[in-house]
């Protein structure tokens, strides 16, 4: 089963400490080699992003920063894991790693199963 991990945190916390980046780099290498991680990355701040919105039949484009953004998606990972339970344990490990290697950081990981065409067909039955 494929899962998308969305790492959410307050914007403006600054860059991660080098020790955290080194630890996560090693952990990502191991996960890629084990075949459990498909992709991962950090995201630029909202000041560097654009929203394209369809509302009321019109498409609008708005460049950041976005004043209403209190919490943003700071990073992501796409994981291949056997179950939702294992995905949740992996997300817990990620938060424990933040606590240990980035003291004072606060945030969350949203774990969402990724669905393919076969999954949608089963949902419609």
PDB file of N, CA and C in Angstrom:
ATOM      1  N   UNK A   1       0.846  -1.170   0.000  1.00  0.00           N
ATOM      2  CA  UNK A   1       0.000   0.000   0.000  1.00  0.00           C
ATOM      3  C   UNK A   1       0.893   1.234   0.000  1.00  0.00           C
ATOM      4  N   UNK A   2       0.477   2.213  -0.764  1.00  0.00           N
ATOM      5  CA  UNK A   2       1.260   3.437  -0.851  1.00  0.00           C
ATOM      6  C   UNK A   2       0.608   4.529  -0.004  1.00  0.00           C
ATOM      7  N   UNK A   3       1.455   5.261   0.730  1.00  0.00           N
ATOM      8  CA  UNK A   3       0.980   6.316   1.620  1.00  0.00           C
ATOM      9  C   UNK A   3       1.743   7.608   1.356  1.00  0.00           C
ATOM     10  N   UNK A   4       1.029   8.718   1.467  1.00  0.00           N
ATOM     11  CA  UNK A   4       1.635  10.038   1.397  1.00  0.00           C
ATOM     12  C   UNK A   4       1.709  10.584   2.817  1.00  0.00           C
ATOM     13  N   UNK A   5       2.908  10.936   3.238  1.00  0.00           N
ATOM     14  CA  UNK A   5       3.112  11.568   4.541  1.00  0.00           C
ATOM     15  C   UNK A   5       3.259  13.061   4.291  1.00  0.00           C
ATOM     16  N   UNK A   6       2.389  13.864   4.887  1.00  0.00           N
ATOM     17  CA  UNK A   6       2.461  15.317   4.782  1.00  0.00           C
ATOM     18  C   UNK A   6       2.946  15.851   6.130  1.00  0.00           C
ATOM     19  N   UNK A   7       4.129  16.446   6.146  1.00  0.00           N
ATOM     20  CA  UNK A   7       4.696  16.991   7.381  1.00  0.00           C
ATOM     21  C   UNK A   7       4.249  18.441   7.487  1.00  0.00           C
ATOM     22  N   UNK A   8       3.447  18.727   8.525  1.00  0.00           N
ATOM     23  CA  UNK A   8       2.887  20.063   8.716  1.00  0.00           C
ATOM     24  C   UNK A   8       3.536  20.726   9.921  1.00  0.00           C
ATOM     25  N   UNK A   9       3.794  22.034   9.777  1.00  0.00           N
ATOM     26  CA  UNK A   9       4.423  22.783  10.861  1.00  0.00           C
ATOM     27  C   UNK A   9       4.136  24.263  10.689  1.00  0.00           C
ATOM     28  N   UNK A  10       4.346  25.042  11.744  1.00  0.00           N
ATOM     29  CA  UNK A  10       4.192  26.494  11.591  1.00  0.00           C
ATOM     30  C   UNK A  10       5.236  27.009  10.605  1.00  0.00           C
ATOM     31  N   UNK A  11       4.839  27.975   9.793  1.00  0.00           N
ATOM     32  CA  UNK A  11       5.795  28.537   8.844  1.00  0.00           C
ATOM     33  C   UNK A  11       6.715  29.508   9.569  1.00  0.00           C
ATOM     34  N   UNK A  12       7.965  29.547   9.136  1.00  0.00           N
ATOM     35  CA  UNK A  12       8.898  30.507   9.712  1.00  0.00           C
ATOM     36  C   UNK A  12       9.745  29.944  10.835  1.00  0.00           C
ATOM     37  N   UNK A  13       9.778  28.622  11.000  1.00  0.00           N
ATOM     38  CA  UNK A  13      10.614  28.018  12.040  1.00  0.00           C
ATOM     39  C   UNK A  13      12.095  28.042  11.676  1.00  0.00           C
ATOM     40  N   UNK A  14      12.405  28.420  10.463  1.00  0.00           N
ATOM     41  CA  UNK A  14      13.797  28.439  10.028  1.00  0.00           C
ATOM     42  C   UNK A  14      14.235  27.080   9.520  1.00  0.00           C
ATOM     43  N   UNK A  15      15.452  27.019   9.018  1.00  0.00           N
ATOM     44  CA  UNK A  15      15.943  25.755   8.469  1.00  0.00           C
ATOM     45  C   UNK A  15      16.209  24.730   9.565  1.00  0.00           C
ATOM     46  N   UNK A  16      16.114  23.455   9.210  1.00  0.00           N
ATOM     47  CA  UNK A  16      16.399  22.403  10.188  1.00  0.00           C
ATOM     48  C   UNK A  16      17.873  22.408  10.584  1.00  0.00           C
ATOM     49  N   UNK A  17      18.171  21.951  11.801  1.00  0.00           N
ATOM     50  CA  UNK A  17      19.579  21.839  12.208  1.00  0.00           C
ATOM     51  C   UNK A  17      20.311  20.812  11.339  1.00  0.00           C
ATOM     52  N   UNK A  18      21.606  21.021  11.164  1.00  0.00           N
ATOM     53  CA  UNK A  18      22.414  20.108  10.348  1.00  0.00           C
ATOM     54  C   UNK A  18      22.344  18.681  10.886  1.00  0.00           C
ATOM     55  N   UNK A  19      22.335  18.512  12.200  1.00  0.00           N
ATOM     56  CA  UNK A  19      22.291  17.156  12.774  1.00  0.00           C
ATOM     57  C   UNK A  19      20.998  16.437  12.378  1.00  0.00           C
ATOM     58  N   UNK A  20      19.900  17.182  12.315  1.00  0.00           N
ATOM     59  CA  UNK A  20      18.633  16.590  11.887  1.00  0.00           C
ATOM     60  C   UNK A  20      18.712  16.196  10.411  1.00  0.00           C
ATOM     61  N   UNK A  21      19.233  17.079   9.579  1.00  0.00           N
ATOM     62  CA  UNK A  21      19.343  16.790   8.146  1.00  0.00           C
ATOM     63  C   UNK A  21      20.259  15.589   7.895  1.00  0.00           C
ATOM     64  N   UNK A  22      21.365  15.506   8.631  1.00  0.00           N
ATOM     65  CA  UNK A  22      22.268  14.360   8.487  1.00  0.00           C
ATOM     66  C   UNK A  22      21.561  13.066   8.881  1.00  0.00           C
ATOM     67  N   UNK A  23      20.859  13.080  10.023  1.00  0.00           N
ATOM     68  CA  UNK A  23      20.143  11.903  10.485  1.00  0.00           C
ATOM     69  C   UNK A  23      19.088  11.482   9.468  1.00  0.00           C
ATOM     70  N   UNK A  24      18.284  12.444   8.990  1.00  0.00           N
ATOM     71  CA  UNK A  24      17.214  12.117   8.050  1.00  0.00           C
ATOM     72  C   UNK A  24      17.784  11.674   6.705  1.00  0.00           C
ATOM     73  N   UNK A  25      18.908  12.231   6.298  1.00  0.00           N
ATOM     74  CA  UNK A  25      19.546  11.788   5.056  1.00  0.00           C
ATOM     75  C   UNK A  25      19.935  10.326   5.117  1.00  0.00           C
ATOM     76  N   UNK A  26      20.524   9.917   6.246  1.00  0.00           N
ATOM     77  CA  UNK A  26      20.898   8.511   6.426  1.00  0.00           C
ATOM     78  C   UNK A  26      19.658   7.617   6.483  1.00  0.00           C
ATOM     79  N   UNK A  27      18.630   8.068   7.206  1.00  0.00           N
ATOM     80  CA  UNK A  27      17.402   7.276   7.318  1.00  0.00           C
ATOM     81  C   UNK A  27      16.726   7.136   5.957  1.00  0.00           C
ATOM     82  N   UNK A  28      16.715   8.209   5.162  1.00  0.00           N
ATOM     83  CA  UNK A  28      16.105   8.155   3.825  1.00  0.00           C
ATOM     84  C   UNK A  28      16.869   7.195   2.918  1.00  0.00           C
ATOM     85  N   UNK A  29      18.195   7.231   2.989  1.00  0.00           N
ATOM     86  CA  UNK A  29      19.001   6.307   2.178  1.00  0.00           C
ATOM     87  C   UNK A  29      18.647   4.859   2.507  1.00  0.00           C
ATOM     88  N   UNK A  30      18.543   4.547   3.793  1.00  0.00           N
ATOM     89  CA  UNK A  30      18.174   3.187   4.211  1.00  0.00           C
ATOM     90  C   UNK A  30      16.776   2.819   3.727  1.00  0.00           C
ATOM     91  N   UNK A  31      15.830   3.748   3.829  1.00  0.00           N
ATOM     92  CA  UNK A  31      14.454   3.470   3.410  1.00  0.00           C
ATOM     93  C   UNK A  31      14.359   3.285   1.893  1.00  0.00           C
ATOM     94  N   UNK A  32      15.116   4.089   1.129  1.00  0.00           N
ATOM     95  CA  UNK A  32      15.138   3.909  -0.328  1.00  0.00           C
ATOM     96  C   UNK A  32      15.698   2.531  -0.678  1.00  0.00           C
ATOM     97  N   UNK A  33      16.793   2.145  -0.018  1.00  0.00           N
ATOM     98  CA  UNK A  33      17.416   0.851  -0.287  1.00  0.00           C
ATOM     99  C   UNK A  33      16.492  -0.304   0.092  1.00  0.00           C
ATOM    100  N   UNK A  34      15.703  -0.132   1.147  1.00  0.00           N
ATOM    101  CA  UNK A  34      14.764  -1.173   1.584  1.00  0.00           C
ATOM    102  C   UNK A  34      13.510  -1.217   0.717  1.00  0.00           C
ATOM    103  N   UNK A  35      13.313  -0.192  -0.105  1.00  0.00           N
ATOM    104  CA  UNK A  35      12.139  -0.146  -0.971  1.00  0.00           C
ATOM    105  C   UNK A  35      10.886   0.381  -0.298  1.00  0.00           C
ATOM    106  N   UNK A  36      11.026   0.930   0.919  1.00  0.00           N
ATOM    107  CA  UNK A  36       9.844   1.453   1.614  1.00  0.00           C
ATOM    108  C   UNK A  36       9.602   2.932   1.317  1.00  0.00           C
ATOM    109  N   UNK A  37      10.634   3.648   0.859  1.00  0.00           N
ATOM    110  CA  UNK A  37      10.462   5.057   0.511  1.00  0.00           C
ATOM    111  C   UNK A  37      10.546   5.200  -0.999  1.00  0.00           C
ATOM    112  N   UNK A  38       9.542   5.846  -1.579  1.00  0.00           N
ATOM    113  CA  UNK A  38       9.493   6.067  -3.017  1.00  0.00           C
ATOM    114  C   UNK A  38      10.053   7.444  -3.362  1.00  0.00           C
ATOM    115  N   UNK A  39       9.708   8.445  -2.552  1.00  0.00           N
ATOM    116  CA  UNK A  39      10.165   9.814  -2.786  1.00  0.00           C
ATOM    117  C   UNK A  39      10.027  10.601  -1.490  1.00  0.00           C
ATOM    118  N   UNK A  40      10.793  11.667  -1.366  1.00  0.00           N
ATOM    119  CA  UNK A  40      10.693  12.556  -0.206  1.00  0.00           C
ATOM    120  C   UNK A  40      11.274  13.914  -0.568  1.00  0.00           C
ATOM    121  N   UNK A  41      10.899  14.926   0.188  1.00  0.00           N
ATOM    122  CA  UNK A  41      11.472  16.238  -0.049  1.00  0.00           C
ATOM    123  C   UNK A  41      10.875  17.290   0.865  1.00  0.00           C
ATOM    124  N   UNK A  42      11.575  18.389   0.958  1.00  0.00           N
ATOM    125  CA  UNK A  42      11.073  19.554   1.665  1.00  0.00           C
ATOM    126  C   UNK A  42      10.432  20.498   0.665  1.00  0.00           C
ATOM    127  N   UNK A  43       9.600  21.397   1.154  1.00  0.00           N
ATOM    128  CA  UNK A  43       8.900  22.335   0.286  1.00  0.00           C
ATOM    129  C   UNK A  43       9.309  23.769   0.603  1.00  0.00           C
ATOM    130  N   UNK A  44       9.349  24.602  -0.430  1.00  0.00           N
ATOM    131  CA  UNK A  44       9.684  26.012  -0.275  1.00  0.00           C
ATOM    132  C   UNK A  44       8.598  26.703   0.548  1.00  0.00           C
ATOM    133  N   UNK A  45       8.926  27.820   1.169  1.00  0.00           N
ATOM    134  CA  UNK A  45       7.927  28.549   1.963  1.00  0.00           C
ATOM    135  C   UNK A  45       6.792  29.079   1.086  1.00  0.00           C
ATOM    136  N   UNK A  46       5.665  29.378   1.732  1.00  0.00           N
ATOM    137  CA  UNK A  46       4.487  29.838   0.988  1.00  0.00           C
ATOM    138  C   UNK A  46       4.746  31.146   0.250  1.00  0.00           C
ATOM    139  N   UNK A  47       5.701  31.943   0.715  1.00  0.00           N
ATOM    140  CA  UNK A  47       6.027  33.191   0.020  1.00  0.00           C
ATOM    141  C   UNK A  47       6.516  32.923  -1.402  1.00  0.00           C
ATOM    142  N   UNK A  48       7.003  31.710  -1.652  1.00  0.00           N
ATOM    143  CA  UNK A  48       7.518  31.339  -2.968  1.00  0.00           C
ATOM    144  C   UNK A  48       6.523  30.479  -3.744  1.00  0.00           C
ATOM    145  N   UNK A  49       5.278  30.389  -3.285  1.00  0.00           N
ATOM    146  CA  UNK A  49       4.321  29.500  -3.935  1.00  0.00           C
ATOM    147  C   UNK A  49       3.181  30.278  -4.574  1.00  0.00           C
ATOM    148  N   UNK A  50       2.378  29.572  -5.343  1.00  0.00           N
ATOM    149  CA  UNK A  50       1.236  30.135  -6.051  1.00  0.00           C
ATOM    150  C   UNK A  50       0.042  29.210  -5.859  1.00  0.00           C
ATOM    151  N   UNK A  51      -1.129  29.789  -5.684  1.00  0.00           N
ATOM    152  CA  UNK A  51      -2.368  29.022  -5.605  1.00  0.00           C
ATOM    153  C   UNK A  51      -3.184  29.291  -6.877  1.00  0.00           C
ATOM    154  N   UNK A  52      -3.679  28.233  -7.479  1.00  0.00           N
ATOM    155  CA  UNK A  52      -4.576  28.338  -8.625  1.00  0.00           C
ATOM    156  C   UNK A  52      -5.899  27.755  -8.162  1.00  0.00           C
ATOM    157  N   UNK A  53      -6.931  28.596  -8.106  1.00  0.00           N
ATOM    158  CA  UNK A  53      -8.197  28.214  -7.477  1.00  0.00           C
ATOM    159  C   UNK A  53      -9.350  28.360  -8.469  1.00  0.00           C
ATOM    160  N   UNK A  54     -10.225  27.354  -8.469  1.00  0.00           N
ATOM    161  CA  UNK A  54     -11.476  27.408  -9.225  1.00  0.00           C
ATOM    162  C   UNK A  54     -12.588  27.686  -8.232  1.00  0.00           C
ATOM    163  N   UNK A  55     -13.243  28.817  -8.404  1.00  0.00           N
ATOM    164  CA  UNK A  55     -14.308  29.214  -7.475  1.00  0.00           C
ATOM    165  C   UNK A  55     -15.332  30.036  -8.248  1.00  0.00           C
ATOM    166  N   UNK A  56     -16.601  29.660  -8.109  1.00  0.00           N
ATOM    167  CA  UNK A  56     -17.658  30.390  -8.795  1.00  0.00           C
ATOM    168  C   UNK A  56     -17.515  30.369 -10.302  1.00  0.00           C
ATOM    169  N   UNK A  57     -16.944  29.289 -10.828  1.00  0.00           N
ATOM    170  CA  UNK A  57     -16.775  29.163 -12.272  1.00  0.00           C
ATOM    171  C   UNK A  57     -15.596  29.932 -12.841  1.00  0.00           C
ATOM    172  N   UNK A  58     -14.795  30.558 -11.984  1.00  0.00           N
ATOM    173  CA  UNK A  58     -13.637  31.324 -12.447  1.00  0.00           C
ATOM    174  C   UNK A  58     -12.357  30.743 -11.870  1.00  0.00           C
ATOM    175  N   UNK A  59     -11.303  30.796 -12.659  1.00  0.00           N
ATOM    176  CA  UNK A  59      -9.980  30.359 -12.209  1.00  0.00           C
ATOM    177  C   UNK A  59      -9.175  31.600 -11.843  1.00  0.00           C
ATOM    178  N   UNK A  60      -8.673  31.614 -10.616  1.00  0.00           N
ATOM    179  CA  UNK A  60      -7.865  32.732 -10.126  1.00  0.00           C
ATOM    180  C   UNK A  60      -6.481  32.234  -9.734  1.00  0.00           C
ATOM    181  N   UNK A  61      -5.489  33.079  -9.978  1.00  0.00           N
ATOM    182  CA  UNK A  61      -4.102  32.763  -9.618  1.00  0.00           C
ATOM    183  C   UNK A  61      -3.652  33.784  -8.585  1.00  0.00           C
ATOM    184  N   UNK A  62      -3.126  33.272  -7.453  1.00  0.00           N
ATOM    185  CA  UNK A  62      -2.686  34.134  -6.363  1.00  0.00           C
ATOM    186  C   UNK A  62      -1.298  33.704  -5.916  1.00  0.00           C
ATOM    187  N   UNK A  63      -0.374  34.643  -5.930  1.00  0.00           N
ATOM    188  CA  UNK A  63       0.986  34.372  -5.470  1.00  0.00           C
ATOM    189  C   UNK A  63       1.073  34.562  -3.963  1.00  0.00           C
ATOM    190  N   UNK A  64       1.930  33.756  -3.312  1.00  0.00           N
ATOM    191  CA  UNK A  64       2.145  33.866  -1.881  1.00  0.00           C
ATOM    192  C   UNK A  64       2.969  35.088  -1.543  1.00  0.00           C
ATOM    193  N   UNK A  65       3.134  35.403  -0.280  1.00  0.00           N
ATOM    194  CA  UNK A  65       2.698  34.605   0.875  1.00  0.00           C
ATOM    195  C   UNK A  65       1.197  34.762   1.122  1.00  0.00           C
ATOM    196  N   UNK A  66       0.670  33.807   1.869  1.00  0.00           N
ATOM    197  CA  UNK A  66      -0.756  33.753   2.151  1.00  0.00           C
ATOM    198  C   UNK A  66      -0.961  34.061   3.625  1.00  0.00           C
ATOM    199  N   UNK A  67      -1.612  35.171   3.916  1.00  0.00           N
ATOM    200  CA  UNK A  67      -1.727  35.652   5.293  1.00  0.00           C
ATOM    201  C   UNK A  67      -2.476  34.689   6.197  1.00  0.00           C
ATOM    202  N   UNK A  68      -3.407  33.905   5.657  1.00  0.00           N
ATOM    203  CA  UNK A  68      -4.184  33.007   6.515  1.00  0.00           C
ATOM    204  C   UNK A  68      -3.440  31.716   6.863  1.00  0.00           C
ATOM    205  N   UNK A  69      -2.267  31.495   6.290  1.00  0.00           N
ATOM    206  CA  UNK A  69      -1.528  30.253   6.530  1.00  0.00           C
ATOM    207  C   UNK A  69      -0.853  30.299   7.901  1.00  0.00           C
ATOM    208  N   UNK A  70      -1.399  29.548   8.851  1.00  0.00           N
ATOM    209  CA  UNK A  70      -0.772  29.434  10.167  1.00  0.00           C
ATOM    210  C   UNK A  70       0.152  28.213  10.198  1.00  0.00           C
ATOM    211  N   UNK A  71      -0.262  27.180   9.502  1.00  0.00           N
ATOM    212  CA  UNK A  71       0.497  25.943   9.421  1.00  0.00           C
ATOM    213  C   UNK A  71       0.590  25.566   7.948  1.00  0.00           C
ATOM    214  N   UNK A  72       1.744  25.097   7.538  1.00  0.00           N
ATOM    215  CA  UNK A  72       1.958  24.754   6.132  1.00  0.00           C
ATOM    216  C   UNK A  72       2.518  23.336   6.022  1.00  0.00           C
ATOM    217  N   UNK A  73       2.474  22.809   4.822  1.00  0.00           N
ATOM    218  CA  UNK A  73       3.126  21.526   4.552  1.00  0.00           C
ATOM    219  C   UNK A  73       4.585  21.849   4.264  1.00  0.00           C
ATOM    220  N   UNK A  74       5.451  21.395   5.151  1.00  0.00           N
ATOM    221  CA  UNK A  74       6.873  21.698   5.042  1.00  0.00           C
ATOM    222  C   UNK A  74       7.656  20.628   4.308  1.00  0.00           C
ATOM    223  N   UNK A  75       7.079  19.425   4.196  1.00  0.00           N
ATOM    224  CA  UNK A  75       7.759  18.341   3.518  1.00  0.00           C
ATOM    225  C   UNK A  75       6.812  17.185   3.308  1.00  0.00           C
ATOM    226  N   UNK A  76       7.294  16.189   2.585  1.00  0.00           N
ATOM    227  CA  UNK A  76       6.456  15.037   2.278  1.00  0.00           C
ATOM    228  C   UNK A  76       7.331  13.799   2.090  1.00  0.00           C
ATOM    229  N   UNK A  77       6.685  12.660   2.142  1.00  0.00           N
ATOM    230  CA  UNK A  77       7.328  11.399   1.763  1.00  0.00           C
ATOM    231  C   UNK A  77       6.253  10.499   1.181  1.00  0.00           C
ATOM    232  N   UNK A  78       6.622   9.755   0.163  1.00  0.00           N
ATOM    233  CA  UNK A  78       5.752   8.717  -0.378  1.00  0.00           C
ATOM    234  C   UNK A  78       6.358   7.389   0.037  1.00  0.00           C
ATOM    235  N   UNK A  79       5.569   6.616   0.790  1.00  0.00           N
ATOM    236  CA  UNK A  79       6.053   5.373   1.393  1.00  0.00           C
ATOM    237  C   UNK A  79       5.273   4.180   0.851  1.00  0.00           C
ATOM    238  N   UNK A  80       5.940   3.065   0.688  1.00  0.00           N
ATOM    239  CA  UNK A  80       5.320   1.799   0.304  1.00  0.00           C
ATOM    240  C   UNK A  80       5.405   0.890   1.523  1.00  0.00           C
ATOM    241  N   UNK A  81       4.254   0.671   2.171  1.00  0.00           N
ATOM    242  CA  UNK A  81       4.212  -0.091   3.418  1.00  0.00           C
ATOM    243  C   UNK A  81       3.050  -1.079   3.374  1.00  0.00           C
ATOM    244  N   UNK A  82       3.137  -2.174   4.134  1.00  0.00           N
ATOM    245  CA  UNK A  82       2.126  -3.220   4.030  1.00  0.00           C
ATOM    246  C   UNK A  82       0.763  -2.892   4.632  1.00  0.00           C
ATOM    247  N   UNK A  83       0.700  -1.883   5.518  1.00  0.00           N
ATOM    248  CA  UNK A  83      -0.586  -1.622   6.181  1.00  0.00           C
ATOM    249  C   UNK A  83      -0.640  -0.193   6.707  1.00  0.00           C
ATOM    250  N   UNK A  84      -1.853   0.260   6.999  1.00  0.00           N
ATOM    251  CA  UNK A  84      -2.048   1.569   7.621  1.00  0.00           C
ATOM    252  C   UNK A  84      -1.372   1.603   8.992  1.00  0.00           C
ATOM    253  N   UNK A  85      -1.440   0.504   9.719  1.00  0.00           N
ATOM    254  CA  UNK A  85      -0.820   0.447  11.044  1.00  0.00           C
ATOM    255  C   UNK A  85       0.684   0.677  10.949  1.00  0.00           C
ATOM    256  N   UNK A  86       1.318   0.043   9.964  1.00  0.00           N
ATOM    257  CA  UNK A  86       2.762   0.236   9.805  1.00  0.00           C
ATOM    258  C   UNK A  86       3.066   1.668   9.357  1.00  0.00           C
ATOM    259  N   UNK A  87       2.199   2.247   8.540  1.00  0.00           N
ATOM    260  CA  UNK A  87       2.384   3.640   8.128  1.00  0.00           C
ATOM    261  C   UNK A  87       2.310   4.566   9.343  1.00  0.00           C
ATOM    262  N   UNK A  88       1.367   4.316  10.224  1.00  0.00           N
ATOM    263  CA  UNK A  88       1.233   5.145  11.429  1.00  0.00           C
ATOM    264  C   UNK A  88       2.445   4.977  12.343  1.00  0.00           C
ATOM    265  N   UNK A  89       2.963   3.774  12.457  1.00  0.00           N
ATOM    266  CA  UNK A  89       4.171   3.558  13.257  1.00  0.00           C
ATOM    267  C   UNK A  89       5.369   4.288  12.644  1.00  0.00           C
ATOM    268  N   UNK A  90       5.448   4.294  11.323  1.00  0.00           N
ATOM    269  CA  UNK A  90       6.525   5.002  10.640  1.00  0.00           C
ATOM    270  C   UNK A  90       6.404   6.507  10.865  1.00  0.00           C
ATOM    271  N   UNK A  91       5.180   7.029  10.840  1.00  0.00           N
ATOM    272  CA  UNK A  91       4.961   8.460  11.105  1.00  0.00           C
ATOM    273  C   UNK A  91       5.329   8.799  12.549  1.00  0.00           C
ATOM    274  N   UNK A  92       5.014   7.909  13.477  1.00  0.00           N
ATOM    275  CA  UNK A  92       5.394   8.124  14.877  1.00  0.00           C
ATOM    276  C   UNK A  92       6.915   8.165  15.000  1.00  0.00           C
ATOM    277  N   UNK A  93       7.603   7.250  14.315  1.00  0.00           N
ATOM    278  CA  UNK A  93       9.059   7.244  14.312  1.00  0.00           C
ATOM    279  C   UNK A  93       9.590   8.581  13.795  1.00  0.00           C
ATOM    280  N   UNK A  94       8.951   9.118  12.747  1.00  0.00           N
ATOM    281  CA  UNK A  94       9.375  10.395  12.187  1.00  0.00           C
ATOM    282  C   UNK A  94       9.227  11.521  13.207  1.00  0.00           C
ATOM    283  N   UNK A  95       8.124  11.540  13.931  1.00  0.00           N
ATOM    284  CA  UNK A  95       7.931  12.577  14.949  1.00  0.00           C
ATOM    285  C   UNK A  95       8.913  12.403  16.105  1.00  0.00           C
ATOM    286  N   UNK A  96       9.177  11.148  16.504  1.00  0.00           N
ATOM    287  CA  UNK A  96      10.190  10.897  17.541  1.00  0.00           C
ATOM    288  C   UNK A  96      11.561  11.398  17.087  1.00  0.00           C
ATOM    289  N   UNK A  97      11.863  11.224  15.794  1.00  0.00           N
ATOM    290  CA  UNK A  97      13.148  11.679  15.249  1.00  0.00           C
ATOM    291  C   UNK A  97      13.239  13.198  15.269  1.00  0.00           C
ATOM    292  N   UNK A  98      12.137  13.864  14.953  1.00  0.00           N
ATOM    293  CA  UNK A  98      12.117  15.327  15.060  1.00  0.00           C
ATOM    294  C   UNK A  98      12.378  15.755  16.504  1.00  0.00           C
ATOM    295  N   UNK A  99      11.688  15.121  17.437  1.00  0.00           N
ATOM    296  CA  UNK A  99      11.846  15.480  18.851  1.00  0.00           C
ATOM    297  C   UNK A  99      13.299  15.330  19.296  1.00  0.00           C
ATOM    298  N   UNK A 100      13.929  14.239  18.872  1.00  0.00           N
ATOM    299  CA  UNK A 100      15.299  13.963  19.308  1.00  0.00           C
ATOM    300  C   UNK A 100      16.333  14.859  18.624  1.00  0.00           C
ATOM    301  N   UNK A 101      16.173  15.092  17.321  1.00  0.00           N
ATOM    302  CA  UNK A 101      17.216  15.777  16.553  1.00  0.00           C
ATOM    303  C   UNK A 101      16.909  17.234  16.217  1.00  0.00           C
ATOM    304  N   UNK A 102      15.692  17.698  16.573  1.00  0.00           N
ATOM    305  CA  UNK A 102      15.334  19.099  16.338  1.00  0.00           C
ATOM    306  C   UNK A 102      14.539  19.582  17.546  1.00  0.00           C
ATOM    307  N   UNK A 103      15.205  19.736  18.693  1.00  0.00           N
ATOM    308  CA  UNK A 103      14.513  20.137  19.920  1.00  0.00           C
ATOM    309  C   UNK A 103      13.704  21.421  19.730  1.00  0.00           C
ATOM    310  N   UNK A 104      12.492  21.418  20.262  1.00  0.00           N
ATOM    311  CA  UNK A 104      11.628  22.576  20.178  1.00  0.00           C
ATOM    312  C   UNK A 104      10.724  22.598  18.955  1.00  0.00           C
ATOM    313  N   UNK A 105      11.026  21.768  17.939  1.00  0.00           N
ATOM    314  CA  UNK A 105      10.179  21.726  16.746  1.00  0.00           C
ATOM    315  C   UNK A 105       8.820  21.156  17.114  1.00  0.00           C
ATOM    316  N   UNK A 106       7.772  21.717  16.548  1.00  0.00           N
ATOM    317  CA  UNK A 106       6.426  21.194  16.757  1.00  0.00           C
ATOM    318  C   UNK A 106       5.735  21.071  15.412  1.00  0.00           C
ATOM    319  N   UNK A 107       4.990  20.006  15.249  1.00  0.00           N
ATOM    320  CA  UNK A 107       4.267  19.791  14.009  1.00  0.00           C
ATOM    321  C   UNK A 107       3.566  18.453  14.027  1.00  0.00           C
ATOM    322  N   UNK A 108       3.154  18.007  12.858  1.00  0.00           N
ATOM    323  CA  UNK A 108       2.447  16.736  12.752  1.00  0.00           C
ATOM    324  C   UNK A 108       2.701  16.123  11.390  1.00  0.00           C
ATOM    325  N   UNK A 109       2.406  14.839  11.303  1.00  0.00           N
ATOM    326  CA  UNK A 109       2.435  14.141  10.025  1.00  0.00           C
ATOM    327  C   UNK A 109       1.017  13.653   9.750  1.00  0.00           C
ATOM    328  N   UNK A 110       0.497  14.047   8.612  1.00  0.00           N
ATOM    329  CA  UNK A 110      -0.785  13.506   8.163  1.00  0.00           C
ATOM    330  C   UNK A 110      -0.474  12.328   7.251  1.00  0.00           C
ATOM    331  N   UNK A 111      -1.040  11.176   7.554  1.00  0.00           N
ATOM    332  CA  UNK A 111      -0.805   9.948   6.787  1.00  0.00           C
ATOM    333  C   UNK A 111      -2.037   9.692   5.933  1.00  0.00           C
ATOM    334  N   UNK A 112      -1.857   9.686   4.608  1.00  0.00           N
ATOM    335  CA  UNK A 112      -2.985   9.467   3.699  1.00  0.00           C
ATOM    336  C   UNK A 112      -2.641   8.366   2.715  1.00  0.00           C
ATOM    337  N   UNK A 113      -3.525   7.394   2.616  1.00  0.00           N
ATOM    338  CA  UNK A 113      -3.318   6.328   1.644  1.00  0.00           C
ATOM    339  C   UNK A 113      -3.519   6.892   0.245  1.00  0.00           C
ATOM    340  N   UNK A 114      -2.637   6.513  -0.656  1.00  0.00           N
ATOM    341  CA  UNK A 114      -2.755   6.939  -2.049  1.00  0.00           C
ATOM    342  C   UNK A 114      -3.589   5.893  -2.787  1.00  0.00           C
ATOM    343  N   UNK A 115      -4.525   6.356  -3.583  1.00  0.00           N
ATOM    344  CA  UNK A 115      -5.440   5.465  -4.281  1.00  0.00           C
ATOM    345  C   UNK A 115      -5.149   5.472  -5.769  1.00  0.00           C
ATOM    346  N   UNK A 116      -5.226   4.293  -6.372  1.00  0.00           N
ATOM    347  CA  UNK A 116      -5.073   4.160  -7.812  1.00  0.00           C
ATOM    348  C   UNK A 116      -6.406   3.821  -8.451  1.00  0.00           C
ATOM    349  N   UNK A 117      -6.425   3.631  -9.772  1.00  0.00           N
ATOM    350  CA  UNK A 117      -7.678   3.345 -10.473  1.00  0.00           C
ATOM    351  C   UNK A 117      -8.435   2.143  -9.908  1.00  0.00           C
ATOM    352  N   UNK A 118      -7.737   1.094  -9.535  1.00  0.00           N
ATOM    353  CA  UNK A 118      -8.397  -0.100  -8.978  1.00  0.00           C
ATOM    354  C   UNK A 118      -9.096   0.222  -7.646  1.00  0.00           C
ATOM    355  N   UNK A 119      -8.472   1.102  -6.862  1.00  0.00           N
ATOM    356  CA  UNK A 119      -9.075   1.474  -5.580  1.00  0.00           C
ATOM    357  C   UNK A 119     -10.382   2.220  -5.791  1.00  0.00           C
ATOM    358  N   UNK A 120     -10.431   3.102  -6.781  1.00  0.00           N
ATOM    359  CA  UNK A 120     -11.659   3.857  -7.048  1.00  0.00           C
ATOM    360  C   UNK A 120     -12.760   2.935  -7.557  1.00  0.00           C
ATOM    361  N   UNK A 121     -12.393   1.960  -8.384  1.00  0.00           N
ATOM    362  CA  UNK A 121     -13.388   1.004  -8.882  1.00  0.00           C
ATOM    363  C   UNK A 121     -14.005   0.233  -7.718  1.00  0.00           C
ATOM    364  N   UNK A 122     -13.187  -0.177  -6.751  1.00  0.00           N
ATOM    365  CA  UNK A 122     -13.705  -0.914  -5.590  1.00  0.00           C
ATOM    366  C   UNK A 122     -14.590  -0.033  -4.732  1.00  0.00           C
ATOM    367  N   UNK A 123     -14.265   1.261  -4.624  1.00  0.00           N
ATOM    368  CA  UNK A 123     -15.074   2.175  -3.817  1.00  0.00           C
ATOM    369  C   UNK A 123     -16.451   2.392  -4.437  1.00  0.00           C
ATOM    370  N   UNK A 124     -16.538   2.294  -5.766  1.00  0.00           N
ATOM    371  CA  UNK A 124     -17.806   2.559  -6.465  1.00  0.00           C
ATOM    372  C   UNK A 124     -18.716   1.336  -6.517  1.00  0.00           C
ATOM    373  N   UNK A 125     -18.256   0.203  -6.088  1.00  0.00           N
ATOM    374  CA  UNK A 125     -19.094  -1.020  -6.135  1.00  0.00           C
ATOM    375  C   UNK A 125     -20.076  -1.040  -5.017  1.00  0.00           C
TER     376      UNK A 125
END
